[in-house]
Amino acid sequence: MNFPKIFGALSDPTRLAVVERLLDGPASVTDLSRPFDMAGPSFLKHLRVLENAGVISSSKSGRVRKVSLVPDSLMRVEHWVRQHRARLEERFDRLGNFLDQEQ
């Protein structure tokens, strides 16, 4: 799992909005691109970044390309965030205890 690649892909507001839309289920590229004021090739670049990071997958049926989330990648990101949050909370607890003892 390439976390820098995933976080980089999710750092763009357009790509993040696409991921949020896909939480409702798969969608065609046409449907996904509607809310954005950009040319088709520019939007496809955003999808490529997400797909290369393993956040989405796409498949073609006839002339329609469907895009869907890859749940495993987001679950791994959530796990990573939870682990690091726990470590940060432990450090803050230790700092709080230290400050309490200093008073």
PDB file of N, CA and C in Angstrom:
ATOM      1  N   MET A   1       0.852  -1.182   0.000  1.00  0.00           N
ATOM      2  CA  MET A   1       0.000   0.000   0.000  1.00  0.00           C
ATOM      3  C   MET A   1       0.889   1.234   0.000  1.00  0.00           C
ATOM      4  N   ASN A   2       0.726   2.065  -0.981  1.00  0.00           N
ATOM      5  CA  ASN A   2       1.543   3.267  -1.134  1.00  0.00           C
ATOM      6  C   ASN A   2       0.784   4.474  -0.560  1.00  0.00           C
ATOM      7  N   PHE A   3       0.934   4.676   0.757  1.00  0.00           N
ATOM      8  CA  PHE A   3       0.192   5.747   1.419  1.00  0.00           C
ATOM      9  C   PHE A   3       0.505   7.133   0.863  1.00  0.00           C
ATOM     10  N   PRO A   4       1.765   7.472   0.576  1.00  0.00           N
ATOM     11  CA  PRO A   4       2.005   8.803  -0.001  1.00  0.00           C
ATOM     12  C   PRO A   4       1.235   9.022  -1.308  1.00  0.00           C
ATOM     13  N   LYS A   5       1.146   7.987  -2.117  1.00  0.00           N
ATOM     14  CA  LYS A   5       0.418   8.099  -3.379  1.00  0.00           C
ATOM     15  C   LYS A   5      -1.083   8.299  -3.123  1.00  0.00           C
ATOM     16  N   ILE A   6      -1.616   7.552  -2.156  1.00  0.00           N
ATOM     17  CA  ILE A   6      -3.044   7.675  -1.830  1.00  0.00           C
ATOM     18  C   ILE A   6      -3.342   9.054  -1.253  1.00  0.00           C
ATOM     19  N   PHE A   7      -2.532   9.478  -0.264  1.00  0.00           N
ATOM     20  CA  PHE A   7      -2.769  10.789   0.338  1.00  0.00           C
ATOM     21  C   PHE A   7      -2.597  11.901  -0.696  1.00  0.00           C
ATOM     22  N   GLY A   8      -1.649  11.741  -1.600  1.00  0.00           N
ATOM     23  CA  GLY A   8      -1.475  12.718  -2.672  1.00  0.00           C
ATOM     24  C   GLY A   8      -2.704  12.783  -3.567  1.00  0.00           C
ATOM     25  N   ALA A   9      -3.250  11.617  -3.888  1.00  0.00           N
ATOM     26  CA  ALA A   9      -4.444  11.573  -4.735  1.00  0.00           C
ATOM     27  C   ALA A   9      -5.632  12.227  -4.040  1.00  0.00           C
ATOM     28  N   LEU A  10      -5.749  12.024  -2.735  1.00  0.00           N
ATOM     29  CA  LEU A  10      -6.883  12.570  -1.986  1.00  0.00           C
ATOM     30  C   LEU A  10      -6.701  14.038  -1.609  1.00  0.00           C
ATOM     31  N   SER A  11      -5.514  14.586  -1.842  1.00  0.00           N
ATOM     32  CA  SER A  11      -5.241  15.962  -1.420  1.00  0.00           C
ATOM     33  C   SER A  11      -5.858  17.015  -2.338  1.00  0.00           C
ATOM     34  N   ASP A  12      -6.323  16.608  -3.494  1.00  0.00           N
ATOM     35  CA  ASP A  12      -6.917  17.549  -4.440  1.00  0.00           C
ATOM     36  C   ASP A  12      -8.431  17.635  -4.214  1.00  0.00           C
ATOM     37  N   PRO A  13      -9.002  18.832  -4.133  1.00  0.00           N
ATOM     38  CA  PRO A  13     -10.438  18.966  -3.876  1.00  0.00           C
ATOM     39  C   PRO A  13     -11.328  18.267  -4.911  1.00  0.00           C
ATOM     40  N   THR A  14     -10.944  18.303  -6.170  1.00  0.00           N
ATOM     41  CA  THR A  14     -11.741  17.631  -7.201  1.00  0.00           C
ATOM     42  C   THR A  14     -11.738  16.133  -6.977  1.00  0.00           C
ATOM     43  N   ARG A  15     -10.562  15.569  -6.749  1.00  0.00           N
ATOM     44  CA  ARG A  15     -10.471  14.122  -6.552  1.00  0.00           C
ATOM     45  C   ARG A  15     -11.179  13.695  -5.270  1.00  0.00           C
ATOM     46  N   LEU A  16     -11.069  14.495  -4.234  1.00  0.00           N
ATOM     47  CA  LEU A  16     -11.763  14.183  -2.987  1.00  0.00           C
ATOM     48  C   LEU A  16     -13.278  14.212  -3.197  1.00  0.00           C
ATOM     49  N   ALA A  17     -13.765  15.169  -3.970  1.00  0.00           N
ATOM     50  CA  ALA A  17     -15.199  15.243  -4.273  1.00  0.00           C
ATOM     51  C   ALA A  17     -15.651  14.019  -5.068  1.00  0.00           C
ATOM     52  N   VAL A  18     -14.817  13.536  -5.976  1.00  0.00           N
ATOM     53  CA  VAL A  18     -15.139  12.327  -6.741  1.00  0.00           C
ATOM     54  C   VAL A  18     -15.261  11.138  -5.790  1.00  0.00           C
ATOM     55  N   VAL A  19     -14.321  11.004  -4.869  1.00  0.00           N
ATOM     56  CA  VAL A  19     -14.363   9.895  -3.907  1.00  0.00           C
ATOM     57  C   VAL A  19     -15.625   9.996  -3.055  1.00  0.00           C
ATOM     58  N   GLU A  20     -15.941  11.200  -2.601  1.00  0.00           N
ATOM     59  CA  GLU A  20     -17.154  11.376  -1.792  1.00  0.00           C
ATOM     60  C   GLU A  20     -18.397  10.991  -2.581  1.00  0.00           C
ATOM     61  N   ARG A  21     -18.452  11.341  -3.855  1.00  0.00           N
ATOM     62  CA  ARG A  21     -19.589  10.957  -4.697  1.00  0.00           C
ATOM     63  C   ARG A  21     -19.664   9.442  -4.842  1.00  0.00           C
ATOM     64  N   LEU A  22     -18.517   8.783  -4.986  1.00  0.00           N
ATOM     65  CA  LEU A  22     -18.495   7.333  -5.185  1.00  0.00           C
ATOM     66  C   LEU A  22     -18.853   6.562  -3.918  1.00  0.00           C
ATOM     67  N   LEU A  23     -18.891   7.238  -2.782  1.00  0.00           N
ATOM     68  CA  LEU A  23     -19.358   6.576  -1.558  1.00  0.00           C
ATOM     69  C   LEU A  23     -20.813   6.140  -1.708  1.00  0.00           C
ATOM     70  N   ASP A  24     -21.555   6.802  -2.607  1.00  0.00           N
ATOM     71  CA  ASP A  24     -22.949   6.433  -2.871  1.00  0.00           C
ATOM     72  C   ASP A  24     -23.070   5.255  -3.825  1.00  0.00           C
ATOM     73  N   GLY A  25     -21.975   4.856  -4.451  1.00  0.00           N
ATOM     74  CA  GLY A  25     -21.988   3.734  -5.379  1.00  0.00           C
ATOM     75  C   GLY A  25     -21.307   4.092  -6.684  1.00  0.00           C
ATOM     76  N   PRO A  26     -21.107   3.090  -7.545  1.00  0.00           N
ATOM     77  CA  PRO A  26     -20.434   3.314  -8.831  1.00  0.00           C
ATOM     78  C   PRO A  26     -21.183   4.341  -9.680  1.00  0.00           C
ATOM     79  N   ALA A  27     -20.431   4.991 -10.562  1.00  0.00           N
ATOM     80  CA  ALA A  27     -21.025   5.991 -11.458  1.00  0.00           C
ATOM     81  C   ALA A  27     -20.245   6.016 -12.759  1.00  0.00           C
ATOM     82  N   SER A  28     -20.897   6.491 -13.785  1.00  0.00           N
ATOM     83  CA  SER A  28     -20.207   6.638 -15.070  1.00  0.00           C
ATOM     84  C   SER A  28     -19.308   7.869 -15.010  1.00  0.00           C
ATOM     85  N   VAL A  29     -18.316   7.883 -15.875  1.00  0.00           N
ATOM     86  CA  VAL A  29     -17.417   9.034 -15.959  1.00  0.00           C
ATOM     87  C   VAL A  29     -18.223  10.290 -16.291  1.00  0.00           C
ATOM     88  N   THR A  30     -19.196  10.155 -17.174  1.00  0.00           N
ATOM     89  CA  THR A  30     -20.032  11.300 -17.550  1.00  0.00           C
ATOM     90  C   THR A  30     -20.765  11.864 -16.341  1.00  0.00           C
ATOM     91  N   ASP A  31     -21.385  10.985 -15.549  1.00  0.00           N
ATOM     92  CA  ASP A  31     -22.107  11.442 -14.356  1.00  0.00           C
ATOM     93  C   ASP A  31     -21.161  12.079 -13.343  1.00  0.00           C
ATOM     94  N   LEU A  32     -19.997  11.484 -13.176  1.00  0.00           N
ATOM     95  CA  LEU A  32     -19.031  12.024 -12.215  1.00  0.00           C
ATOM     96  C   LEU A  32     -18.527  13.402 -12.621  1.00  0.00           C
ATOM     97  N   SER A  33     -18.372  13.621 -13.911  1.00  0.00           N
ATOM     98  CA  SER A  33     -17.776  14.880 -14.385  1.00  0.00           C
ATOM     99  C   SER A  33     -18.758  16.050 -14.404  1.00  0.00           C
ATOM    100  N   ARG A  34     -20.053  15.781 -14.346  1.00  0.00           N
ATOM    101  CA  ARG A  34     -21.059  16.850 -14.486  1.00  0.00           C
ATOM    102  C   ARG A  34     -20.870  18.029 -13.534  1.00  0.00           C
ATOM    103  N   PRO A  35     -20.639  17.804 -12.241  1.00  0.00           N
ATOM    104  CA  PRO A  35     -20.558  18.956 -11.331  1.00  0.00           C
ATOM    105  C   PRO A  35     -19.307  19.825 -11.503  1.00  0.00           C
ATOM    106  N   PHE A  36     -18.367  19.382 -12.302  1.00  0.00           N
ATOM    107  CA  PHE A  36     -17.086  20.089 -12.398  1.00  0.00           C
ATOM    108  C   PHE A  36     -16.999  20.890 -13.688  1.00  0.00           C
ATOM    109  N   ASP A  37     -16.500  22.096 -13.563  1.00  0.00           N
ATOM    110  CA  ASP A  37     -16.354  22.980 -14.714  1.00  0.00           C
ATOM    111  C   ASP A  37     -14.950  22.811 -15.293  1.00  0.00           C
ATOM    112  N   MET A  38     -14.755  21.673 -15.971  1.00  0.00           N
ATOM    113  CA  MET A  38     -13.451  21.423 -16.596  1.00  0.00           C
ATOM    114  C   MET A  38     -13.636  20.547 -17.824  1.00  0.00           C
ATOM    115  N   ALA A  39     -12.672  20.600 -18.694  1.00  0.00           N
ATOM    116  CA  ALA A  39     -12.707  19.801 -19.922  1.00  0.00           C
ATOM    117  C   ALA A  39     -12.567  18.321 -19.581  1.00  0.00           C
ATOM    118  N   GLY A  40     -13.125  17.488 -20.441  1.00  0.00           N
ATOM    119  CA  GLY A  40     -13.079  16.044 -20.241  1.00  0.00           C
ATOM    120  C   GLY A  40     -11.683  15.490 -20.005  1.00  0.00           C
ATOM    121  N   PRO A  41     -10.697  15.859 -20.834  1.00  0.00           N
ATOM    122  CA  PRO A  41      -9.348  15.332 -20.620  1.00  0.00           C
ATOM    123  C   PRO A  41      -8.765  15.709 -19.252  1.00  0.00           C
ATOM    124  N   SER A  42      -9.077  16.903 -18.786  1.00  0.00           N
ATOM    125  CA  SER A  42      -8.587  17.320 -17.462  1.00  0.00           C
ATOM    126  C   SER A  42      -9.224  16.471 -16.372  1.00  0.00           C
ATOM    127  N   PHE A  43     -10.514  16.209 -16.510  1.00  0.00           N
ATOM    128  CA  PHE A  43     -11.200  15.382 -15.516  1.00  0.00           C
ATOM    129  C   PHE A  43     -10.659  13.952 -15.543  1.00  0.00           C
ATOM    130  N   LEU A  44     -10.393  13.436 -16.732  1.00  0.00           N
ATOM    131  CA  LEU A  44      -9.853  12.079 -16.847  1.00  0.00           C
ATOM    132  C   LEU A  44      -8.485  11.960 -16.177  1.00  0.00           C
ATOM    133  N   LYS A  45      -7.705  13.034 -16.198  1.00  0.00           N
ATOM    134  CA  LYS A  45      -6.409  13.015 -15.500  1.00  0.00           C
ATOM    135  C   LYS A  45      -6.618  12.810 -14.006  1.00  0.00           C
ATOM    136  N   HIS A  46      -7.634  13.459 -13.450  1.00  0.00           N
ATOM    137  CA  HIS A  46      -7.946  13.274 -12.032  1.00  0.00           C
ATOM    138  C   HIS A  46      -8.311  11.812 -11.746  1.00  0.00           C
ATOM    139  N   LEU A  47      -9.118  11.235 -12.623  1.00  0.00           N
ATOM    140  CA  LEU A  47      -9.497   9.834 -12.430  1.00  0.00           C
ATOM    141  C   LEU A  47      -8.282   8.919 -12.529  1.00  0.00           C
ATOM    142  N   ARG A  48      -7.373   9.232 -13.447  1.00  0.00           N
ATOM    143  CA  ARG A  48      -6.157   8.420 -13.589  1.00  0.00           C
ATOM    144  C   ARG A  48      -5.309   8.457 -12.324  1.00  0.00           C
ATOM    145  N   VAL A  49      -5.201   9.630 -11.720  1.00  0.00           N
ATOM    146  CA  VAL A  49      -4.428   9.752 -10.477  1.00  0.00           C
ATOM    147  C   VAL A  49      -5.051   8.875  -9.395  1.00  0.00           C
ATOM    148  N   LEU A  50      -6.376   8.935  -9.264  1.00  0.00           N
ATOM    149  CA  LEU A  50      -7.065   8.113  -8.261  1.00  0.00           C
ATOM    150  C   LEU A  50      -6.904   6.622  -8.559  1.00  0.00           C
ATOM    151  N   GLU A  51      -6.986   6.268  -9.832  1.00  0.00           N
ATOM    152  CA  GLU A  51      -6.857   4.855 -10.203  1.00  0.00           C
ATOM    153  C   GLU A  51      -5.422   4.368  -9.996  1.00  0.00           C
ATOM    154  N   ASN A  52      -4.441   5.172 -10.355  1.00  0.00           N
ATOM    155  CA  ASN A  52      -3.039   4.789 -10.152  1.00  0.00           C
ATOM    156  C   ASN A  52      -2.694   4.644  -8.676  1.00  0.00           C
ATOM    157  N   ALA A  53      -3.408   5.379  -7.822  1.00  0.00           N
ATOM    158  CA  ALA A  53      -3.182   5.283  -6.378  1.00  0.00           C
ATOM    159  C   ALA A  53      -3.938   4.104  -5.769  1.00  0.00           C
ATOM    160  N   GLY A  54      -4.799   3.462  -6.558  1.00  0.00           N
ATOM    161  CA  GLY A  54      -5.555   2.316  -6.054  1.00  0.00           C
ATOM    162  C   GLY A  54      -6.814   2.695  -5.294  1.00  0.00           C
ATOM    163  N   VAL A  55      -7.249   3.947  -5.423  1.00  0.00           N
ATOM    164  CA  VAL A  55      -8.431   4.419  -4.699  1.00  0.00           C
ATOM    165  C   VAL A  55      -9.713   4.070  -5.450  1.00  0.00           C
ATOM    166  N   ILE A  56      -9.656   4.089  -6.775  1.00  0.00           N
ATOM    167  CA  ILE A  56     -10.814   3.739  -7.596  1.00  0.00           C
ATOM    168  C   ILE A  56     -10.406   2.696  -8.622  1.00  0.00           C
ATOM    169  N   SER A  57     -11.419   2.067  -9.193  1.00  0.00           N
ATOM    170  CA  SER A  57     -11.195   1.184 -10.338  1.00  0.00           C
ATOM    171  C   SER A  57     -12.247   1.541 -11.379  1.00  0.00           C
ATOM    172  N   SER A  58     -11.968   1.190 -12.616  1.00  0.00           N
ATOM    173  CA  SER A  58     -12.936   1.481 -13.672  1.00  0.00           C
ATOM    174  C   SER A  58     -13.039   0.288 -14.605  1.00  0.00           C
ATOM    175  N   SER A  59     -14.198   0.189 -15.226  1.00  0.00           N
ATOM    176  CA  SER A  59     -14.416  -0.871 -16.207  1.00  0.00           C
ATOM    177  C   SER A  59     -15.290  -0.299 -17.313  1.00  0.00           C
ATOM    178  N   LYS A  60     -15.118  -0.835 -18.496  1.00  0.00           N
ATOM    179  CA  LYS A  60     -15.851  -0.324 -19.648  1.00  0.00           C
ATOM    180  C   LYS A  60     -16.861  -1.364 -20.100  1.00  0.00           C
ATOM    181  N   SER A  61     -18.082  -0.906 -20.322  1.00  0.00           N
ATOM    182  CA  SER A  61     -19.137  -1.759 -20.852  1.00  0.00           C
ATOM    183  C   SER A  61     -19.733  -1.026 -22.052  1.00  0.00           C
ATOM    184  N   GLY A  62     -19.382  -1.481 -23.230  1.00  0.00           N
ATOM    185  CA  GLY A  62     -19.795  -0.767 -24.433  1.00  0.00           C
ATOM    186  C   GLY A  62     -19.080   0.567 -24.501  1.00  0.00           C
ATOM    187  N   ARG A  63     -19.859   1.651 -24.551  1.00  0.00           N
ATOM    188  CA  ARG A  63     -19.259   2.985 -24.625  1.00  0.00           C
ATOM    189  C   ARG A  63     -19.208   3.675 -23.264  1.00  0.00           C
ATOM    190  N   VAL A  64     -19.691   2.992 -22.235  1.00  0.00           N
ATOM    191  CA  VAL A  64     -19.781   3.614 -20.908  1.00  0.00           C
ATOM    192  C   VAL A  64     -18.680   3.086 -19.996  1.00  0.00           C
ATOM    193  N   ARG A  65     -17.937   3.999 -19.398  1.00  0.00           N
ATOM    194  CA  ARG A  65     -16.915   3.628 -18.419  1.00  0.00           C
ATOM    195  C   ARG A  65     -17.481   3.889 -17.036  1.00  0.00           C
ATOM    196  N   LYS A  66     -17.569   2.819 -16.232  1.00  0.00           N
ATOM    197  CA  LYS A  66     -18.057   2.912 -14.853  1.00  0.00           C
ATOM    198  C   LYS A  66     -16.871   2.984 -13.903  1.00  0.00           C
ATOM    199  N   VAL A  67     -17.016   3.801 -12.889  1.00  0.00           N
ATOM    200  CA  VAL A  67     -15.966   4.000 -11.892  1.00  0.00           C
ATOM    201  C   VAL A  67     -16.528   3.621 -10.533  1.00  0.00           C
ATOM    202  N   SER A  68     -15.710   2.935  -9.733  1.00  0.00           N
ATOM    203  CA  SER A  68     -16.134   2.586  -8.376  1.00  0.00           C
ATOM    204  C   SER A  68     -14.948   2.684  -7.429  1.00  0.00           C
ATOM    205  N   LEU A  69     -15.265   2.814  -6.148  1.00  0.00           N
ATOM    206  CA  LEU A  69     -14.227   2.868  -5.121  1.00  0.00           C
ATOM    207  C   LEU A  69     -13.605   1.500  -4.924  1.00  0.00           C
ATOM    208  N   VAL A  70     -12.370   1.488  -4.485  1.00  0.00           N
ATOM    209  CA  VAL A  70     -11.712   0.262  -4.039  1.00  0.00           C
ATOM    210  C   VAL A  70     -11.727   0.340  -2.510  1.00  0.00           C
ATOM    211  N   PRO A  71     -12.721  -0.308  -1.874  1.00  0.00           N
ATOM    212  CA  PRO A  71     -12.896  -0.149  -0.425  1.00  0.00           C
ATOM    213  C   PRO A  71     -11.658  -0.517   0.383  1.00  0.00           C
ATOM    214  N   ASP A  72     -10.906  -1.495  -0.062  1.00  0.00           N
ATOM    215  CA  ASP A  72      -9.739  -1.942   0.695  1.00  0.00           C
ATOM    216  C   ASP A  72      -8.731  -0.815   0.899  1.00  0.00           C
ATOM    217  N   SER A  73      -8.538   0.007  -0.123  1.00  0.00           N
ATOM    218  CA  SER A  73      -7.550   1.086   0.012  1.00  0.00           C
ATOM    219  C   SER A  73      -7.994   2.098   1.062  1.00  0.00           C
ATOM    220  N   LEU A  74      -9.272   2.437   1.085  1.00  0.00           N
ATOM    221  CA  LEU A  74      -9.761   3.398   2.073  1.00  0.00           C
ATOM    222  C   LEU A  74      -9.770   2.796   3.475  1.00  0.00           C
ATOM    223  N   MET A  75     -10.040   1.507   3.571  1.00  0.00           N
ATOM    224  CA  MET A  75     -10.010   0.854   4.883  1.00  0.00           C
ATOM    225  C   MET A  75      -8.589   0.825   5.438  1.00  0.00           C
ATOM    226  N   ARG A  76      -7.614   0.623   4.586  1.00  0.00           N
ATOM    227  CA  ARG A  76      -6.217   0.642   5.037  1.00  0.00           C
ATOM    228  C   ARG A  76      -5.789   2.037   5.477  1.00  0.00           C
ATOM    229  N   VAL A  77      -6.269   3.052   4.779  1.00  0.00           N
ATOM    230  CA  VAL A  77      -5.976   4.431   5.184  1.00  0.00           C
ATOM    231  C   VAL A  77      -6.602   4.704   6.547  1.00  0.00           C
ATOM    232  N   GLU A  78      -7.834   4.264   6.730  1.00  0.00           N
ATOM    233  CA  GLU A  78      -8.500   4.460   8.019  1.00  0.00           C
ATOM    234  C   GLU A  78      -7.714   3.769   9.132  1.00  0.00           C
ATOM    235  N   HIS A  79      -7.254   2.567   8.878  1.00  0.00           N
ATOM    236  CA  HIS A  79      -6.465   1.825   9.865  1.00  0.00           C
ATOM    237  C   HIS A  79      -5.176   2.585  10.193  1.00  0.00           C
ATOM    238  N   TRP A  80      -4.506   3.091   9.184  1.00  0.00           N
ATOM    239  CA  TRP A  80      -3.271   3.856   9.376  1.00  0.00           C
ATOM    240  C   TRP A  80      -3.537   5.085  10.234  1.00  0.00           C
ATOM    241  N   VAL A  81      -4.620   5.809   9.926  1.00  0.00           N
ATOM    242  CA  VAL A  81      -4.965   7.016  10.687  1.00  0.00           C
ATOM    243  C   VAL A  81      -5.271   6.653  12.136  1.00  0.00           C
ATOM    244  N   ARG A  82      -6.032   5.572  12.346  1.00  0.00           N
ATOM    245  CA  ARG A  82      -6.357   5.137  13.710  1.00  0.00           C
ATOM    246  C   ARG A  82      -5.101   4.824  14.506  1.00  0.00           C
ATOM    247  N   GLN A  83      -4.162   4.119  13.894  1.00  0.00           N
ATOM    248  CA  GLN A  83      -2.914   3.772  14.582  1.00  0.00           C
ATOM    249  C   GLN A  83      -2.151   5.028  14.987  1.00  0.00           C
ATOM    250  N   HIS A  84      -2.029   5.952  14.085  1.00  0.00           N
ATOM    251  CA  HIS A  84      -1.278   7.170  14.379  1.00  0.00           C
ATOM    252  C   HIS A  84      -2.020   8.070  15.361  1.00  0.00           C
ATOM    253  N   ARG A  85      -3.325   8.048  15.304  1.00  0.00           N
ATOM    254  CA  ARG A  85      -4.107   8.830  16.263  1.00  0.00           C
ATOM    255  C   ARG A  85      -3.887   8.298  17.670  1.00  0.00           C
ATOM    256  N   ALA A  86      -3.878   6.973  17.816  1.00  0.00           N
ATOM    257  CA  ALA A  86      -3.654   6.371  19.132  1.00  0.00           C
ATOM    258  C   ALA A  86      -2.289   6.783  19.681  1.00  0.00           C
ATOM    259  N   ARG A  87      -1.281   6.780  18.834  1.00  0.00           N
ATOM    260  CA  ARG A  87       0.057   7.189  19.283  1.00  0.00           C
ATOM    261  C   ARG A  87       0.075   8.653  19.707  1.00  0.00           C
ATOM    262  N   LEU A  88      -0.590   9.499  18.946  1.00  0.00           N
ATOM    263  CA  LEU A  88      -0.648  10.918  19.305  1.00  0.00           C
ATOM    264  C   LEU A  88      -1.396  11.128  20.620  1.00  0.00           C
ATOM    265  N   GLU A  89      -2.491  10.398  20.799  1.00  0.00           N
ATOM    266  CA  GLU A  89      -3.256  10.531  22.041  1.00  0.00           C
ATOM    267  C   GLU A  89      -2.420  10.109  23.245  1.00  0.00           C
ATOM    268  N   GLU A  90      -1.625   9.052  23.088  1.00  0.00           N
ATOM    269  CA  GLU A  90      -0.734   8.621  24.171  1.00  0.00           C
ATOM    270  C   GLU A  90       0.258   9.728  24.517  1.00  0.00           C
ATOM    271  N   ARG A  91       0.802  10.371  23.510  1.00  0.00           N
ATOM    272  CA  ARG A  91       1.771  11.452  23.750  1.00  0.00           C
ATOM    273  C   ARG A  91       1.107  12.640  24.438  1.00  0.00           C
ATOM    274  N   PHE A  92      -0.093  12.975  24.024  1.00  0.00           N
ATOM    275  CA  PHE A  92      -0.808  14.079  24.675  1.00  0.00           C
ATOM    276  C   PHE A  92      -1.154  13.732  26.122  1.00  0.00           C
ATOM    277  N   ASP A  93      -1.521  12.473  26.360  1.00  0.00           N
ATOM    278  CA  ASP A  93      -1.807  12.043  27.736  1.00  0.00           C
ATOM    279  C   ASP A  93      -0.565  12.187  28.606  1.00  0.00           C
ATOM    280  N   ARG A  94       0.590  11.760  28.088  1.00  0.00           N
ATOM    281  CA  ARG A  94       1.837  11.886  28.850  1.00  0.00           C
ATOM    282  C   ARG A  94       2.164  13.355  29.115  1.00  0.00           C
ATOM    283  N   LEU A  95       1.959  14.193  28.108  1.00  0.00           N
ATOM    284  CA  LEU A  95       2.204  15.623  28.281  1.00  0.00           C
ATOM    285  C   LEU A  95       1.263  16.199  29.339  1.00  0.00           C
ATOM    286  N   GLY A  96       0.002  15.802  29.288  1.00  0.00           N
ATOM    287  CA  GLY A  96      -0.963  16.265  30.284  1.00  0.00           C
ATOM    288  C   GLY A  96      -0.574  15.842  31.687  1.00  0.00           C
ATOM    289  N   ASN A  97      -0.138  14.588  31.837  1.00  0.00           N
ATOM    290  CA  ASN A  97       0.303  14.094  33.148  1.00  0.00           C
ATOM    291  C   ASN A  97       1.518  14.873  33.633  1.00  0.00           C
ATOM    292  N   PHE A  98       2.452  15.125  32.738  1.00  0.00           N
ATOM    293  CA  PHE A  98       3.650  15.885  33.099  1.00  0.00           C
ATOM    294  C   PHE A  98       3.276  17.289  33.569  1.00  0.00           C
ATOM    295  N   LEU A  99       2.399  17.949  32.819  1.00  0.00           N
ATOM    296  CA  LEU A  99       1.993  19.306  33.181  1.00  0.00           C
ATOM    297  C   LEU A  99       1.234  19.328  34.507  1.00  0.00           C
ATOM    298  N   ASP A 100       0.418  18.305  34.750  1.00  0.00           N
ATOM    299  CA  ASP A 100      -0.296  18.212  36.032  1.00  0.00           C
ATOM    300  C   ASP A 100       0.678  18.083  37.191  1.00  0.00           C
ATOM    301  N   GLN A 101       1.745  17.318  37.001  1.00  0.00           N
ATOM    302  CA  GLN A 101       2.736  17.113  38.061  1.00  0.00           C
ATOM    303  C   GLN A 101       3.553  18.377  38.305  1.00  0.00           C
ATOM    304  N   GLU A 102       3.727  19.204  37.289  1.00  0.00           N
ATOM    305  CA  GLU A 102       4.526  20.419  37.414  1.00  0.00           C
ATOM    306  C   GLU A 102       3.784  21.529  38.155  1.00  0.00           C
ATOM    307  N   GLN A 103       2.486  21.443  38.248  1.00  0.00           N
ATOM    308  CA  GLN A 103       1.708  22.517  38.892  1.00  0.00           C
ATOM    309  C   GLN A 103       1.793  22.473  40.376  1.00  0.00           C
TER     310      GLN A 103
END
